[in-house]
Amino acid sequence: MSDESLVIPLEELRVDDKLHFVEEPIAVMDREIKQLKRSCIPIIKVRWNSKRGPEFTWEREDQFKQKYPHLLTKTAPSSSVAS
């Protein structure tokens, strides 16, 4: 008997050339500003498709944006206001 909750849809599964599972970010869940002594650093809470590691991590927004810009453009607030 199989456990349906353990089934991973093929379209969500990513592997590299050595057949290692590739973890990818799914969505940006939250934003904060980390206050340091002399500067402020924008950080974001990221949800991952992780099967082994943490589901959520906090990442520096500038570094994350360089690697995954498509996730930040989707979560940016809209500049147009509906009337």
PDB file of N, CA and C in Angstrom:
ATOM      1  N   MET A   1       0.848  -1.190   0.000  1.00  0.00           N
ATOM      2  CA  MET A   1       0.000   0.000   0.000  1.00  0.00           C
ATOM      3  C   MET A   1       0.890   1.249   0.000  1.00  0.00           C
ATOM      4  N   SER A   2       0.557   2.231  -0.825  1.00  0.00           N
ATOM      5  CA  SER A   2       1.373   3.451  -0.905  1.00  0.00           C
ATOM      6  C   SER A   2       0.712   4.598  -0.158  1.00  0.00           C
ATOM      7  N   ASP A   3       1.546   5.534   0.283  1.00  0.00           N
ATOM      8  CA  ASP A   3       1.069   6.717   0.993  1.00  0.00           C
ATOM      9  C   ASP A   3       0.990   7.866  -0.002  1.00  0.00           C
ATOM     10  N   GLU A   4      -0.226   8.301  -0.360  1.00  0.00           N
ATOM     11  CA  GLU A   4      -0.427   9.359  -1.363  1.00  0.00           C
ATOM     12  C   GLU A   4       0.215  10.685  -0.948  1.00  0.00           C
ATOM     13  N   SER A   5       0.373  10.939   0.367  1.00  0.00           N
ATOM     14  CA  SER A   5       0.946  12.205   0.812  1.00  0.00           C
ATOM     15  C   SER A   5       2.437  12.302   0.483  1.00  0.00           C
ATOM     16  N   LEU A   6       3.076  11.187   0.147  1.00  0.00           N
ATOM     17  CA  LEU A   6       4.495  11.199  -0.189  1.00  0.00           C
ATOM     18  C   LEU A   6       4.749  11.371  -1.684  1.00  0.00           C
ATOM     19  N   VAL A   7       3.697  11.435  -2.471  1.00  0.00           N
ATOM     20  CA  VAL A   7       3.842  11.576  -3.919  1.00  0.00           C
ATOM     21  C   VAL A   7       4.229  13.014  -4.262  1.00  0.00           C
ATOM     22  N   ILE A   8       5.274  13.188  -5.088  1.00  0.00           N
ATOM     23  CA  ILE A   8       5.718  14.508  -5.534  1.00  0.00           C
ATOM     24  C   ILE A   8       5.403  14.616  -7.021  1.00  0.00           C
ATOM     25  N   PRO A   9       4.573  15.589  -7.423  1.00  0.00           N
ATOM     26  CA  PRO A   9       4.271  15.755  -8.848  1.00  0.00           C
ATOM     27  C   PRO A   9       5.554  15.988  -9.644  1.00  0.00           C
ATOM     28  N   LEU A  10       5.679  15.371 -10.806  1.00  0.00           N
ATOM     29  CA  LEU A  10       6.896  15.470 -11.610  1.00  0.00           C
ATOM     30  C   LEU A  10       7.233  16.892 -12.000  1.00  0.00           C
ATOM     31  N   GLU A  11       6.230  17.744 -12.238  1.00  0.00           N
ATOM     32  CA  GLU A  11       6.521  19.117 -12.646  1.00  0.00           C
ATOM     33  C   GLU A  11       7.167  19.923 -11.517  1.00  0.00           C
ATOM     34  N   GLU A  12       7.056  19.452 -10.270  1.00  0.00           N
ATOM     35  CA  GLU A  12       7.681  20.147  -9.148  1.00  0.00           C
ATOM     36  C   GLU A  12       9.079  19.618  -8.854  1.00  0.00           C
ATOM     37  N   LEU A  13       9.466  18.511  -9.443  1.00  0.00           N
ATOM     38  CA  LEU A  13      10.736  17.878  -9.159  1.00  0.00           C
ATOM     39  C   LEU A  13      11.817  18.410 -10.094  1.00  0.00           C
ATOM     40  N   ARG A  14      12.917  18.906  -9.528  1.00  0.00           N
ATOM     41  CA  ARG A  14      14.049  19.408 -10.305  1.00  0.00           C
ATOM     42  C   ARG A  14      15.295  18.671  -9.836  1.00  0.00           C
ATOM     43  N   VAL A  15      16.088  18.178 -10.785  1.00  0.00           N
ATOM     44  CA  VAL A  15      17.344  17.526 -10.445  1.00  0.00           C
ATOM     45  C   VAL A  15      18.458  18.116 -11.301  1.00  0.00           C
ATOM     46  N   ASP A  16      19.691  18.090 -10.771  1.00  0.00           N
ATOM     47  CA  ASP A  16      20.822  18.595 -11.543  1.00  0.00           C
ATOM     48  C   ASP A  16      21.442  17.465 -12.352  1.00  0.00           C
ATOM     49  N   ASP A  17      22.573  17.743 -12.994  1.00  0.00           N
ATOM     50  CA  ASP A  17      23.182  16.737 -13.865  1.00  0.00           C
ATOM     51  C   ASP A  17      23.744  15.528 -13.119  1.00  0.00           C
ATOM     52  N   LYS A  18      23.856  15.619 -11.791  1.00  0.00           N
ATOM     53  CA  LYS A  18      24.308  14.478 -10.983  1.00  0.00           C
ATOM     54  C   LYS A  18      23.119  13.804 -10.291  1.00  0.00           C
ATOM     55  N   LEU A  19      21.921  14.154 -10.733  1.00  0.00           N
ATOM     56  CA  LEU A  19      20.662  13.622 -10.197  1.00  0.00           C
ATOM     57  C   LEU A  19      20.449  13.957  -8.725  1.00  0.00           C
ATOM     58  N   HIS A  20      20.965  15.118  -8.300  1.00  0.00           N
ATOM     59  CA  HIS A  20      20.685  15.621  -6.964  1.00  0.00           C
ATOM     60  C   HIS A  20      19.456  16.522  -7.042  1.00  0.00           C
ATOM     61  N   PHE A  21      18.610  16.442  -6.034  1.00  0.00           N
ATOM     62  CA  PHE A  21      17.411  17.275  -5.978  1.00  0.00           C
ATOM     63  C   PHE A  21      17.807  18.743  -5.871  1.00  0.00           C
ATOM     64  N   VAL A  22      17.217  19.578  -6.700  1.00  0.00           N
ATOM     65  CA  VAL A  22      17.506  21.012  -6.687  1.00  0.00           C
ATOM     66  C   VAL A  22      16.376  21.725  -5.947  1.00  0.00           C
ATOM     67  N   GLU A  23      16.740  22.380  -4.841  1.00  0.00           N
ATOM     68  CA  GLU A  23      15.742  23.122  -4.078  1.00  0.00           C
ATOM     69  C   GLU A  23      15.589  24.502  -4.692  1.00  0.00           C
ATOM     70  N   GLU A  24      14.330  24.904  -4.881  1.00  0.00           N
ATOM     71  CA  GLU A  24      14.044  26.194  -5.495  1.00  0.00           C
ATOM     72  C   GLU A  24      13.071  26.970  -4.625  1.00  0.00           C
ATOM     73  N   PRO A  25      13.165  28.300  -4.660  1.00  0.00           N
ATOM     74  CA  PRO A  25      12.203  29.113  -3.917  1.00  0.00           C
ATOM     75  C   PRO A  25      10.843  29.077  -4.606  1.00  0.00           C
ATOM     76  N   ILE A  26       9.795  29.048  -3.803  1.00  0.00           N
ATOM     77  CA  ILE A  26       8.431  29.027  -4.339  1.00  0.00           C
ATOM     78  C   ILE A  26       7.804  30.415  -4.265  1.00  0.00           C
ATOM     79  N   ALA A  27       7.981  31.082  -3.128  1.00  0.00           N
ATOM     80  CA  ALA A  27       7.325  32.381  -2.943  1.00  0.00           C
ATOM     81  C   ALA A  27       8.021  33.191  -1.863  1.00  0.00           C
ATOM     82  N   VAL A  28       7.869  34.510  -1.952  1.00  0.00           N
ATOM     83  CA  VAL A  28       8.311  35.420  -0.904  1.00  0.00           C
ATOM     84  C   VAL A  28       7.117  35.625   0.027  1.00  0.00           C
ATOM     85  N   MET A  29       7.304  35.289   1.305  1.00  0.00           N
ATOM     86  CA  MET A  29       6.195  35.297   2.250  1.00  0.00           C
ATOM     87  C   MET A  29       6.104  36.593   3.068  1.00  0.00           C
ATOM     88  N   ASP A  30       7.255  37.232   3.314  1.00  0.00           N
ATOM     89  CA  ASP A  30       7.260  38.396   4.200  1.00  0.00           C
ATOM     90  C   ASP A  30       8.511  39.225   3.926  1.00  0.00           C
ATOM     91  N   ARG A  31       8.500  40.485   4.370  1.00  0.00           N
ATOM     92  CA  ARG A  31       9.655  41.377   4.248  1.00  0.00           C
ATOM     93  C   ARG A  31       9.888  42.073   5.574  1.00  0.00           C
ATOM     94  N   GLU A  32      11.170  42.300   5.888  1.00  0.00           N
ATOM     95  CA  GLU A  32      11.538  43.046   7.087  1.00  0.00           C
ATOM     96  C   GLU A  32      12.796  43.851   6.793  1.00  0.00           C
ATOM     97  N   ILE A  33      13.109  44.775   7.689  1.00  0.00           N
ATOM     98  CA  ILE A  33      14.359  45.518   7.613  1.00  0.00           C
ATOM     99  C   ILE A  33      15.172  45.133   8.844  1.00  0.00           C
ATOM    100  N   LYS A  34      16.366  44.564   8.597  1.00  0.00           N
ATOM    101  CA  LYS A  34      17.265  44.176   9.685  1.00  0.00           C
ATOM    102  C   LYS A  34      18.116  45.383  10.038  1.00  0.00           C
ATOM    103  N   GLN A  35      18.019  45.855  11.288  1.00  0.00           N
ATOM    104  CA  GLN A  35      18.742  47.036  11.736  1.00  0.00           C
ATOM    105  C   GLN A  35      20.092  46.618  12.313  1.00  0.00           C
ATOM    106  N   LEU A  36      21.165  47.071  11.672  1.00  0.00           N
ATOM    107  CA  LEU A  36      22.509  46.850  12.192  1.00  0.00           C
ATOM    108  C   LEU A  36      23.018  48.166  12.772  1.00  0.00           C
ATOM    109  N   LYS A  37      24.216  48.174  13.331  1.00  0.00           N
ATOM    110  CA  LYS A  37      24.736  49.397  13.956  1.00  0.00           C
ATOM    111  C   LYS A  37      24.769  50.579  13.002  1.00  0.00           C
ATOM    112  N   ARG A  38      25.286  50.357  11.786  1.00  0.00           N
ATOM    113  CA  ARG A  38      25.464  51.480  10.859  1.00  0.00           C
ATOM    114  C   ARG A  38      24.631  51.385   9.597  1.00  0.00           C
ATOM    115  N   SER A  39      23.827  50.346   9.465  1.00  0.00           N
ATOM    116  CA  SER A  39      23.045  50.217   8.227  1.00  0.00           C
ATOM    117  C   SER A  39      21.775  49.407   8.460  1.00  0.00           C
ATOM    118  N   CYS A  40      20.912  49.461   7.469  1.00  0.00           N
ATOM    119  CA  CYS A  40      19.679  48.679   7.459  1.00  0.00           C
ATOM    120  C   CYS A  40      19.736  47.754   6.250  1.00  0.00           C
ATOM    121  N   ILE A  41      19.380  46.495   6.446  1.00  0.00           N
ATOM    122  CA  ILE A  41      19.416  45.528   5.360  1.00  0.00           C
ATOM    123  C   ILE A  41      18.021  44.954   5.153  1.00  0.00           C
ATOM    124  N   PRO A  42      17.445  45.109   3.944  1.00  0.00           N
ATOM    125  CA  PRO A  42      16.146  44.495   3.670  1.00  0.00           C
ATOM    126  C   PRO A  42      16.311  42.977   3.559  1.00  0.00           C
ATOM    127  N   ILE A  43      15.469  42.249   4.295  1.00  0.00           N
ATOM    128  CA  ILE A  43      15.477  40.791   4.223  1.00  0.00           C
ATOM    129  C   ILE A  43      14.076  40.300   3.891  1.00  0.00           C
ATOM    130  N   ILE A  44      14.005  39.099   3.313  1.00  0.00           N
ATOM    131  CA  ILE A  44      12.720  38.522   2.935  1.00  0.00           C
ATOM    132  C   ILE A  44      12.632  37.091   3.459  1.00  0.00           C
ATOM    133  N   LYS A  45      11.424  36.688   3.802  1.00  0.00           N
ATOM    134  CA  LYS A  45      11.168  35.317   4.217  1.00  0.00           C
ATOM    135  C   LYS A  45      10.757  34.538   2.969  1.00  0.00           C
ATOM    136  N   VAL A  46      11.530  33.498   2.647  1.00  0.00           N
ATOM    137  CA  VAL A  46      11.338  32.745   1.416  1.00  0.00           C
ATOM    138  C   VAL A  46      10.819  31.348   1.732  1.00  0.00           C
ATOM    139  N   ARG A  47       9.819  30.915   0.977  1.00  0.00           N
ATOM    140  CA  ARG A  47       9.321  29.543   1.076  1.00  0.00           C
ATOM    141  C   ARG A  47       9.992  28.714  -0.011  1.00  0.00           C
ATOM    142  N   TRP A  48      10.544  27.546   0.363  1.00  0.00           N
ATOM    143  CA  TRP A  48      11.276  26.667  -0.550  1.00  0.00           C
ATOM    144  C   TRP A  48      10.497  25.386  -0.802  1.00  0.00           C
ATOM    145  N   ASN A  49      10.834  24.717  -1.913  1.00  0.00           N
ATOM    146  CA  ASN A  49      10.237  23.415  -2.213  1.00  0.00           C
ATOM    147  C   ASN A  49      11.071  22.302  -1.581  1.00  0.00           C
ATOM    148  N   SER A  50      11.717  22.606  -0.473  1.00  0.00           N
ATOM    149  CA  SER A  50      12.672  21.722   0.175  1.00  0.00           C
ATOM    150  C   SER A  50      12.040  20.438   0.687  1.00  0.00           C
ATOM    151  N   LYS A  51      12.707  19.331   0.416  1.00  0.00           N
ATOM    152  CA  LYS A  51      12.265  18.045   0.949  1.00  0.00           C
ATOM    153  C   LYS A  51      13.120  17.620   2.136  1.00  0.00           C
ATOM    154  N   ARG A  52      14.328  18.211   2.263  1.00  0.00           N
ATOM    155  CA  ARG A  52      15.237  17.828   3.346  1.00  0.00           C
ATOM    156  C   ARG A  52      15.547  18.986   4.278  1.00  0.00           C
ATOM    157  N   GLY A  53      15.676  20.193   3.747  1.00  0.00           N
ATOM    158  CA  GLY A  53      16.053  21.353   4.550  1.00  0.00           C
ATOM    159  C   GLY A  53      14.836  22.090   5.087  1.00  0.00           C
ATOM    160  N   PRO A  54      15.063  23.300   5.601  1.00  0.00           N
ATOM    161  CA  PRO A  54      13.943  24.088   6.138  1.00  0.00           C
ATOM    162  C   PRO A  54      12.989  24.535   5.035  1.00  0.00           C
ATOM    163  N   GLU A  55      11.702  24.629   5.364  1.00  0.00           N
ATOM    164  CA  GLU A  55      10.709  25.087   4.388  1.00  0.00           C
ATOM    165  C   GLU A  55      10.791  26.595   4.189  1.00  0.00           C
ATOM    166  N   PHE A  56      11.160  27.345   5.252  1.00  0.00           N
ATOM    167  CA  PHE A  56      11.259  28.799   5.191  1.00  0.00           C
ATOM    168  C   PHE A  56      12.645  29.243   5.654  1.00  0.00           C
ATOM    169  N   THR A  57      13.206  30.258   4.994  1.00  0.00           N
ATOM    170  CA  THR A  57      14.453  30.877   5.445  1.00  0.00           C
ATOM    171  C   THR A  57      14.357  32.377   5.231  1.00  0.00           C
ATOM    172  N   TRP A  58      15.155  33.125   5.997  1.00  0.00           N
ATOM    173  CA  TRP A  58      15.288  34.561   5.787  1.00  0.00           C
ATOM    174  C   TRP A  58      16.521  34.787   4.935  1.00  0.00           C
ATOM    175  N   GLU A  59      16.384  35.576   3.868  1.00  0.00           N
ATOM    176  CA  GLU A  59      17.466  35.847   2.926  1.00  0.00           C
ATOM    177  C   GLU A  59      17.619  37.348   2.735  1.00  0.00           C
ATOM    178  N   ARG A  60      18.839  37.785   2.394  1.00  0.00           N
ATOM    179  CA  ARG A  60      19.043  39.194   2.037  1.00  0.00           C
ATOM    180  C   ARG A  60      18.337  39.454   0.721  1.00  0.00           C
ATOM    181  N   GLU A  61      17.505  40.473   0.688  1.00  0.00           N
ATOM    182  CA  GLU A  61      16.713  40.752  -0.512  1.00  0.00           C
ATOM    183  C   GLU A  61      17.581  41.057  -1.731  1.00  0.00           C
ATOM    184  N   ASP A  62      18.665  41.823  -1.563  1.00  0.00           N
ATOM    185  CA  ASP A  62      19.501  42.174  -2.709  1.00  0.00           C
ATOM    186  C   ASP A  62      20.173  40.946  -3.323  1.00  0.00           C
ATOM    187  N   GLN A  63      20.671  40.026  -2.481  1.00  0.00           N
ATOM    188  CA  GLN A  63      21.319  38.821  -2.996  1.00  0.00           C
ATOM    189  C   GLN A  63      20.304  37.872  -3.630  1.00  0.00           C
ATOM    190  N   PHE A  64      19.136  37.763  -3.018  1.00  0.00           N
ATOM    191  CA  PHE A  64      18.089  36.882  -3.540  1.00  0.00           C
ATOM    192  C   PHE A  64      17.583  37.390  -4.889  1.00  0.00           C
ATOM    193  N   LYS A  65      17.452  38.724  -4.996  1.00  0.00           N
ATOM    194  CA  LYS A  65      16.943  39.328  -6.234  1.00  0.00           C
ATOM    195  C   LYS A  65      17.866  39.053  -7.420  1.00  0.00           C
ATOM    196  N   GLN A  66      19.186  38.987  -7.179  1.00  0.00           N
ATOM    197  CA  GLN A  66      20.133  38.700  -8.261  1.00  0.00           C
ATOM    198  C   GLN A  66      19.929  37.287  -8.802  1.00  0.00           C
ATOM    199  N   LYS A  67      19.612  36.350  -7.924  1.00  0.00           N
ATOM    200  CA  LYS A  67      19.489  34.951  -8.330  1.00  0.00           C
ATOM    201  C   LYS A  67      18.078  34.595  -8.803  1.00  0.00           C
ATOM    202  N   TYR A  68      17.056  35.187  -8.176  1.00  0.00           N
ATOM    203  CA  TYR A  68      15.660  34.852  -8.488  1.00  0.00           C
ATOM    204  C   TYR A  68      14.819  36.117  -8.690  1.00  0.00           C
ATOM    205  N   PRO A  69      15.135  36.946  -9.681  1.00  0.00           N
ATOM    206  CA  PRO A  69      14.398  38.217  -9.846  1.00  0.00           C
ATOM    207  C   PRO A  69      12.919  38.026 -10.139  1.00  0.00           C
ATOM    208  N   HIS A  70      12.551  36.925 -10.776  1.00  0.00           N
ATOM    209  CA  HIS A  70      11.145  36.689 -11.138  1.00  0.00           C
ATOM    210  C   HIS A  70      10.246  36.579  -9.909  1.00  0.00           C
ATOM    211  N   LEU A  71      10.752  36.100  -8.795  1.00  0.00           N
ATOM    212  CA  LEU A  71       9.917  35.984  -7.596  1.00  0.00           C
ATOM    213  C   LEU A  71       9.648  37.336  -6.957  1.00  0.00           C
ATOM    214  N   LEU A  72      10.573  38.246  -7.078  1.00  0.00           N
ATOM    215  CA  LEU A  72      10.367  39.559  -6.470  1.00  0.00           C
ATOM    216  C   LEU A  72       9.489  40.456  -7.322  1.00  0.00           C
ATOM    217  N   THR A  73       9.522  40.305  -8.641  1.00  0.00           N
ATOM    218  CA  THR A  73       8.656  41.131  -9.476  1.00  0.00           C
ATOM    219  C   THR A  73       7.195  40.725  -9.302  1.00  0.00           C
ATOM    220  N   LYS A  74       6.942  39.429  -9.043  1.00  0.00           N
ATOM    221  CA  LYS A  74       5.565  38.973  -8.839  1.00  0.00           C
ATOM    222  C   LYS A  74       4.994  39.481  -7.530  1.00  0.00           C
ATOM    223  N   THR A  75       5.869  39.685  -6.513  1.00  0.00           N
ATOM    224  CA  THR A  75       5.365  40.062  -5.192  1.00  0.00           C
ATOM    225  C   THR A  75       5.382  41.572  -4.974  1.00  0.00           C
ATOM    226  N   ALA A  76       5.902  42.325  -5.940  1.00  0.00           N
ATOM    227  CA  ALA A  76       5.948  43.778  -5.789  1.00  0.00           C
ATOM    228  C   ALA A  76       4.525  44.342  -5.816  1.00  0.00           C
ATOM    229  N   PRO A  77       4.242  45.299  -4.945  1.00  0.00           N
ATOM    230  CA  PRO A  77       2.901  45.896  -4.936  1.00  0.00           C
ATOM    231  C   PRO A  77       2.618  46.627  -6.238  1.00  0.00           C
ATOM    232  N   SER A  78       1.395  46.563  -6.660  1.00  0.00           N
ATOM    233  CA  SER A  78       0.996  47.205  -7.901  1.00  0.00           C
ATOM    234  C   SER A  78       0.956  48.705  -7.727  1.00  0.00           C
ATOM    235  N   SER A  79       1.434  49.455  -8.726  1.00  0.00           N
ATOM    236  CA  SER A  79       1.437  50.911  -8.630  1.00  0.00           C
ATOM    237  C   SER A  79       0.111  51.512  -9.104  1.00  0.00           C
ATOM    238  N   SER A  80      -0.707  50.700  -9.771  1.00  0.00           N
ATOM    239  CA  SER A  80      -1.991  51.231 -10.225  1.00  0.00           C
ATOM    240  C   SER A  80      -3.064  50.992  -9.159  1.00  0.00           C
ATOM    241  N   VAL A  81      -3.919  51.965  -9.016  1.00  0.00           N
ATOM    242  CA  VAL A  81      -4.972  51.879  -8.007  1.00  0.00           C
ATOM    243  C   VAL A  81      -6.317  51.734  -8.712  1.00  0.00           C
ATOM    244  N   ALA A  82      -7.066  50.713  -8.347  1.00  0.00           N
ATOM    245  CA  ALA A  82      -8.395  50.495  -8.954  1.00  0.00           C
ATOM    246  C   ALA A  82      -9.366  51.539  -8.431  1.00  0.00           C
ATOM    247  N   SER A  83     -10.209  52.093  -9.304  1.00  0.00           N
ATOM    248  CA  SER A  83     -11.184  53.080  -8.855  1.00  0.00           C
ATOM    249  C   SER A  83     -12.553  52.485  -8.789  1.00  0.00           C
TER     250      SER A  83
END
